[in-house]
Amino acid sequence: MSENLLMAFGLTLLAGLSTGIGSMLAFFTTHTNKKFLSVTLGFSAGVMIYVSMIEIFVKAKDALVNAMGTVPGNWMTVGGFFAGMLLIAAIDKYIPKQSNPHELRTVEDMAESGYGAGTIQPELLKMGTFTALAIAIHNFPEGIATFTSALQDPKLGIAIAVAIAIHNIPEGIAVSVPVYFATGDKKKAFKLSFLSGLAEPIGAFVAYLFLMPFLNDLVFGIIFAAVAGIMVFISLDELLPAAKKYDEAHLSIYGLIGGMAVMALSLLLFI
């Protein structure tokens, strides 16, 4: 497992820093490609849901059954799955709604709102700053999920990292747009977006320090069951609603199905 360590850290870092891609998109485009974001967010949700239910949940159950026996292992798997959902739900509950990183933000909306880039707007700056903090809080458990998955199974880690990287792009936009229009400072907006993404590798580092010394079938199974719950919750509560907001057609569902199909194919190729 140690040979996957650097890869696990690298994947987590790349997934987290994709918020910077969203930040750059906000700066260098005058039009938000809502159809593209709708498809890609749906795709990300499809990857997360499929890999969570078909691969991660099953691996968690196998590990826990091996450690605890059939009946206790199955109960612990289900408990860990819903505990992961409760964890991410609790994080969402204590983030102010106006700072929700998955609320729809576009360059056009800010431009039409009458705010001019370069004119200090305290309320916009506050929105962007709190959004960056909210994203950092969200990204922390995502970093643990990516790291532990890549550590156990590199192909799973790659799939999860790609899905999380895709869904971090609009989060970068959500931070950069209000900060830029509040201050006119692209560097400051990019910096906040970049720093919010660093919470993912920090989550990986915390997992390495506190979980690695105790990583056996029992601990691994509980973590993987919780990771599955976290990713399903994120997909249903955040990614799909955001994808629907970006486009009213069925593009988000097409993206969802496409994500599932790609994930299924990639898993079959590695059998």
Protein backbone atom coordinates (compact mmCIF):
# COMPACT_ATOMS: atom_id res chain seq x y z
CA MET A 1 0.00 0.00 0.00
CA SER A 2 2.93 2.34 0.64
CA GLU A 3 3.74 2.55 -3.09
CA ASN A 4 0.38 4.27 -3.62
CA LEU A 5 1.09 6.95 -1.02
CA LEU A 6 2.57 9.59 -3.33
CA MET A 7 -0.08 8.93 -5.93
CA ALA A 8 -2.82 9.32 -3.31
CA PHE A 9 -1.42 12.68 -2.17
CA GLY A 10 -0.94 13.82 -5.78
CA LEU A 11 -4.49 12.96 -6.81
CA THR A 12 -5.92 14.72 -3.76
CA LEU A 13 -3.85 17.83 -4.50
CA LEU A 14 -4.94 17.94 -8.15
CA ALA A 15 -8.60 17.47 -7.22
CA GLY A 16 -8.48 20.26 -4.65
CA LEU A 17 -6.63 22.77 -6.82
CA SER A 18 -9.13 22.46 -9.66
CA THR A 19 -10.97 25.30 -7.90
CA GLY A 20 -8.27 27.42 -9.55
CA ILE A 21 -9.52 26.29 -12.97
CA GLY A 22 -12.95 27.66 -12.14
CA SER A 23 -11.35 30.87 -10.97
CA MET A 24 -9.49 31.32 -14.26
CA LEU A 25 -12.64 30.55 -16.26
CA ALA A 26 -14.39 33.37 -14.41
CA PHE A 27 -11.62 35.80 -15.36
CA PHE A 28 -11.00 34.91 -18.99
CA THR A 29 -14.53 34.37 -20.25
CA THR A 30 -17.41 36.80 -20.60
CA HIS A 31 -20.00 34.05 -20.95
CA THR A 32 -20.79 31.20 -18.57
CA ASN A 33 -21.21 27.98 -20.54
CA LYS A 34 -24.16 26.69 -18.55
CA LYS A 35 -24.75 23.65 -20.76
CA PHE A 36 -21.14 22.54 -20.32
CA LEU A 37 -21.33 22.96 -16.54
CA SER A 38 -24.67 21.14 -16.41
CA VAL A 39 -23.32 18.13 -18.29
CA THR A 40 -20.04 17.99 -16.36
CA LEU A 41 -21.70 18.32 -12.96
CA GLY A 42 -24.15 15.56 -13.92
CA PHE A 43 -21.21 13.48 -15.14
CA SER A 44 -19.41 14.00 -11.84
CA ALA A 45 -22.51 12.93 -9.90
CA GLY A 46 -22.84 9.82 -12.08
CA VAL A 47 -19.26 8.81 -11.43
CA MET A 48 -19.62 9.37 -7.68
CA ILE A 49 -22.93 7.51 -7.30
CA TYR A 50 -21.89 4.54 -9.42
CA VAL A 51 -18.47 4.05 -7.88
CA SER A 52 -19.88 4.53 -4.36
CA MET A 53 -22.67 1.98 -4.66
CA ILE A 54 -21.04 -0.55 -6.98
CA GLU A 55 -17.43 -0.51 -5.82
CA ILE A 56 -16.73 1.37 -2.57
CA PHE A 57 -19.74 0.12 -0.60
CA VAL A 58 -18.96 -3.47 -1.65
CA LYS A 59 -15.30 -3.15 -0.68
CA ALA A 60 -16.34 -1.70 2.68
CA LYS A 61 -18.72 -4.61 3.29
CA ASP A 62 -16.11 -7.20 2.33
CA ALA A 63 -13.57 -5.68 4.72
CA LEU A 64 -16.02 -5.39 7.61
CA VAL A 65 -17.44 -8.87 7.14
CA ASN A 66 -13.88 -10.19 7.13
CA ALA A 67 -13.12 -8.29 10.36
CA MET A 68 -16.39 -8.77 12.26
CA GLY A 69 -18.34 -11.60 10.71
CA THR A 70 -21.31 -11.64 8.33
CA VAL A 71 -24.12 -10.12 10.37
CA PRO A 72 -22.15 -7.49 12.37
CA GLY A 73 -20.12 -6.60 9.26
CA ASN A 74 -23.22 -5.91 7.18
CA TRP A 75 -24.78 -3.82 9.94
CA MET A 76 -21.56 -1.84 10.38
CA THR A 77 -21.36 -1.18 6.63
CA VAL A 78 -24.85 0.26 6.51
CA GLY A 79 -24.20 2.24 9.70
CA GLY A 80 -20.98 3.70 8.31
CA PHE A 81 -22.72 4.60 5.05
CA PHE A 82 -25.44 6.64 6.75
CA ALA A 83 -22.96 8.07 9.27
CA GLY A 84 -21.07 9.53 6.30
CA MET A 85 -24.29 11.10 5.06
CA LEU A 86 -25.03 12.55 8.48
CA LEU A 87 -21.52 14.02 8.69
CA ILE A 88 -21.76 15.92 5.41
CA ALA A 89 -25.37 16.91 6.17
CA ALA A 90 -24.22 18.40 9.49
CA ILE A 91 -21.50 20.37 7.69
CA ASP A 92 -24.12 21.74 5.26
CA LYS A 93 -26.47 22.64 8.10
CA TYR A 94 -23.97 24.91 9.80
CA ILE A 95 -22.88 26.73 6.64
CA PRO A 96 -24.89 29.92 6.08
CA LYS A 97 -27.19 29.56 3.06
CA GLN A 98 -25.90 32.73 1.42
CA SER A 99 -22.40 31.23 1.50
CA ASN A 100 -23.42 27.91 -0.01
CA PRO A 101 -20.71 27.13 -2.58
CA HIS A 102 -23.19 25.30 -4.78
CA GLU A 103 -25.53 28.25 -5.24
CA LEU A 104 -25.57 29.27 -8.90
CA ARG A 105 -23.10 32.08 -9.68
CA THR A 106 -22.29 33.39 -13.15
CA VAL A 107 -20.23 36.25 -14.55
CA GLU A 108 -23.31 37.56 -16.35
CA ASP A 109 -25.40 37.72 -13.18
CA MET A 110 -22.78 39.79 -11.40
CA ALA A 111 -22.39 42.12 -14.37
CA GLU A 112 -26.16 42.61 -14.64
CA SER A 113 -26.48 43.26 -10.92
CA GLY A 114 -24.93 46.70 -11.30
CA TYR A 115 -21.70 45.91 -9.47
CA GLY A 116 -18.63 47.19 -11.21
CA ALA A 117 -15.31 45.46 -10.88
CA GLY A 118 -12.95 47.68 -8.95
CA THR A 119 -15.61 49.35 -6.83
CA ILE A 120 -15.30 48.04 -3.28
CA GLN A 121 -18.50 46.25 -2.35
CA PRO A 122 -18.25 44.93 1.23
CA GLU A 123 -21.26 42.62 0.93
CA LEU A 124 -19.83 40.94 -2.17
CA LEU A 125 -16.40 40.60 -0.58
CA LYS A 126 -18.00 39.02 2.48
CA MET A 127 -19.98 36.64 0.24
CA GLY A 128 -16.86 35.54 -1.60
CA THR A 129 -14.82 35.12 1.58
CA PHE A 130 -17.49 33.06 3.33
CA THR A 131 -17.99 31.00 0.18
CA ALA A 132 -14.26 30.22 0.17
CA LEU A 133 -14.52 29.12 3.82
CA ALA A 134 -17.60 27.01 3.08
CA ILE A 135 -15.83 25.30 0.19
CA ALA A 136 -12.79 24.61 2.37
CA ILE A 137 -15.04 22.93 4.96
CA HIS A 138 -16.70 20.84 2.23
CA ASN A 139 -13.36 19.92 0.69
CA PHE A 140 -11.84 18.54 3.88
CA PRO A 141 -13.86 15.27 3.98
CA GLU A 142 -13.58 15.06 0.18
CA GLY A 143 -9.80 15.07 0.61
CA ILE A 144 -10.01 12.18 3.07
CA ALA A 145 -12.26 10.29 0.62
CA THR A 146 -9.90 10.77 -2.33
CA PHE A 147 -6.79 9.92 -0.32
CA THR A 148 -8.08 6.76 1.33
CA SER A 149 -9.62 5.53 -1.92
CA ALA A 150 -6.42 6.06 -3.91
CA LEU A 151 -4.39 4.46 -1.16
CA GLN A 152 -6.45 1.30 -1.23
CA ASP A 153 -7.18 1.13 -4.96
CA PRO A 154 -5.48 3.55 -7.42
CA LYS A 155 -8.11 3.14 -10.14
CA LEU A 156 -10.83 4.12 -7.67
CA GLY A 157 -8.73 7.05 -6.50
CA ILE A 158 -8.35 8.33 -10.06
CA ALA A 159 -12.10 8.10 -10.72
CA ILE A 160 -12.99 9.89 -7.49
CA ALA A 161 -10.31 12.55 -8.02
CA VAL A 162 -11.63 13.31 -11.53
CA ALA A 163 -15.23 13.53 -10.30
CA ILE A 164 -14.29 15.83 -7.42
CA ALA A 165 -12.07 17.95 -9.67
CA ILE A 166 -14.99 18.49 -12.07
CA HIS A 167 -17.34 19.54 -9.30
CA ASN A 168 -14.70 21.89 -7.85
CA ILE A 169 -14.63 24.00 -11.03
CA PRO A 170 -17.96 25.81 -10.41
CA GLU A 171 -16.91 26.18 -6.76
CA GLY A 172 -13.90 28.17 -7.96
CA ILE A 173 -16.26 30.38 -9.96
CA ALA A 174 -18.47 30.82 -6.89
CA VAL A 175 -15.51 32.24 -4.95
CA SER A 176 -13.82 34.29 -7.65
CA VAL A 177 -16.76 36.13 -9.17
CA PRO A 178 -18.01 37.96 -6.05
CA VAL A 179 -14.47 38.69 -4.78
CA TYR A 180 -13.36 40.07 -8.14
CA PHE A 181 -16.44 42.22 -8.55
CA ALA A 182 -16.05 43.44 -4.97
CA THR A 183 -12.40 44.43 -5.27
CA GLY A 184 -11.37 44.39 -8.94
CA ASP A 185 -8.38 42.33 -7.82
CA LYS A 186 -7.99 39.13 -9.85
CA LYS A 187 -5.02 38.01 -7.77
CA LYS A 188 -6.99 38.21 -4.55
CA ALA A 189 -9.93 36.35 -6.06
CA PHE A 190 -7.68 33.61 -7.44
CA LYS A 191 -5.78 33.36 -4.15
CA LEU A 192 -8.97 32.79 -2.13
CA SER A 193 -10.18 30.22 -4.64
CA PHE A 194 -6.79 28.48 -4.62
CA LEU A 195 -6.60 28.39 -0.82
CA SER A 196 -10.10 26.93 -0.48
CA GLY A 197 -8.96 23.99 -2.61
CA LEU A 198 -5.99 23.32 -0.34
CA ALA A 199 -8.40 21.91 2.26
CA GLU A 200 -8.46 18.66 0.28
CA PRO A 201 -4.73 17.85 0.54
CA ILE A 202 -4.92 18.99 4.18
CA GLY A 203 -7.69 16.41 4.67
CA ALA A 204 -5.40 13.82 3.06
CA PHE A 205 -2.55 14.77 5.39
CA VAL A 206 -4.79 14.47 8.45
CA ALA A 207 -5.95 11.05 7.23
CA TYR A 208 -2.32 10.03 6.79
CA LEU A 209 -1.34 11.16 10.30
CA PHE A 210 -4.31 9.82 12.26
CA LEU A 211 -5.71 6.93 10.20
CA MET A 212 -2.70 5.27 8.58
CA PRO A 213 -1.24 3.90 11.86
CA PHE A 214 -4.54 2.12 12.56
CA LEU A 215 -5.47 1.05 9.02
CA ASN A 216 -6.77 -2.52 9.18
CA ASP A 217 -9.88 -4.19 7.74
CA LEU A 218 -12.13 -2.74 10.43
CA VAL A 219 -10.92 0.87 10.12
CA PHE A 220 -10.70 0.69 6.34
CA GLY A 221 -14.22 -0.72 6.07
CA ILE A 222 -15.74 1.98 8.27
CA ILE A 223 -13.93 4.74 6.37
CA PHE A 224 -14.94 3.36 2.98
CA ALA A 225 -18.58 2.95 4.03
CA ALA A 226 -18.61 6.57 5.24
CA VAL A 227 -16.89 7.74 2.03
CA ALA A 228 -19.63 6.06 -0.02
CA GLY A 229 -22.29 7.85 2.03
CA ILE A 230 -20.52 11.20 1.73
CA MET A 231 -20.21 10.97 -2.04
CA VAL A 232 -23.81 9.85 -2.61
CA PHE A 233 -25.04 12.71 -0.42
CA ILE A 234 -22.86 15.27 -2.25
CA SER A 235 -24.18 13.99 -5.59
CA LEU A 236 -27.85 14.12 -4.63
CA ASP A 237 -27.81 17.24 -2.48
CA GLU A 238 -25.30 19.42 -4.33
CA LEU A 239 -24.17 18.27 -7.76
CA LEU A 240 -27.47 17.33 -9.38
CA PRO A 241 -29.42 20.37 -8.07
CA ALA A 242 -26.59 22.64 -9.24
CA ALA A 243 -26.53 20.93 -12.63
CA LYS A 244 -30.29 21.45 -12.96
CA LYS A 245 -29.93 25.14 -12.15
CA TYR A 246 -27.34 25.62 -14.87
CA ASP A 247 -29.64 24.15 -17.53
CA GLU A 248 -33.37 23.39 -17.57
CA ALA A 249 -33.15 20.60 -20.17
CA HIS A 250 -32.18 17.00 -19.52
CA LEU A 251 -28.46 17.63 -19.97
CA SER A 252 -27.68 16.98 -16.31
CA ILE A 253 -29.34 13.54 -16.50
CA TYR A 254 -27.52 12.74 -19.74
CA GLY A 255 -24.30 13.71 -17.98
CA LEU A 256 -25.27 11.53 -15.00
CA ILE A 257 -25.86 8.49 -17.21
CA GLY A 258 -22.66 9.21 -19.13
CA GLY A 259 -20.67 9.36 -15.89
CA MET A 260 -22.10 6.04 -14.75
CA ALA A 261 -21.35 4.43 -18.13
CA VAL A 262 -17.76 5.69 -18.20
CA MET A 263 -17.21 4.53 -14.64
CA ALA A 264 -18.71 1.12 -15.36
CA LEU A 265 -16.53 0.71 -18.46
CA SER A 266 -13.37 1.77 -16.64
CA LEU A 267 -14.01 -0.72 -13.84
CA LEU A 268 -14.64 -3.53 -16.34
CA LEU A 269 -11.39 -2.76 -18.14
CA PHE A 270 -9.45 -3.23 -14.90
CA ILE A 271 -10.97 -6.59 -13.93
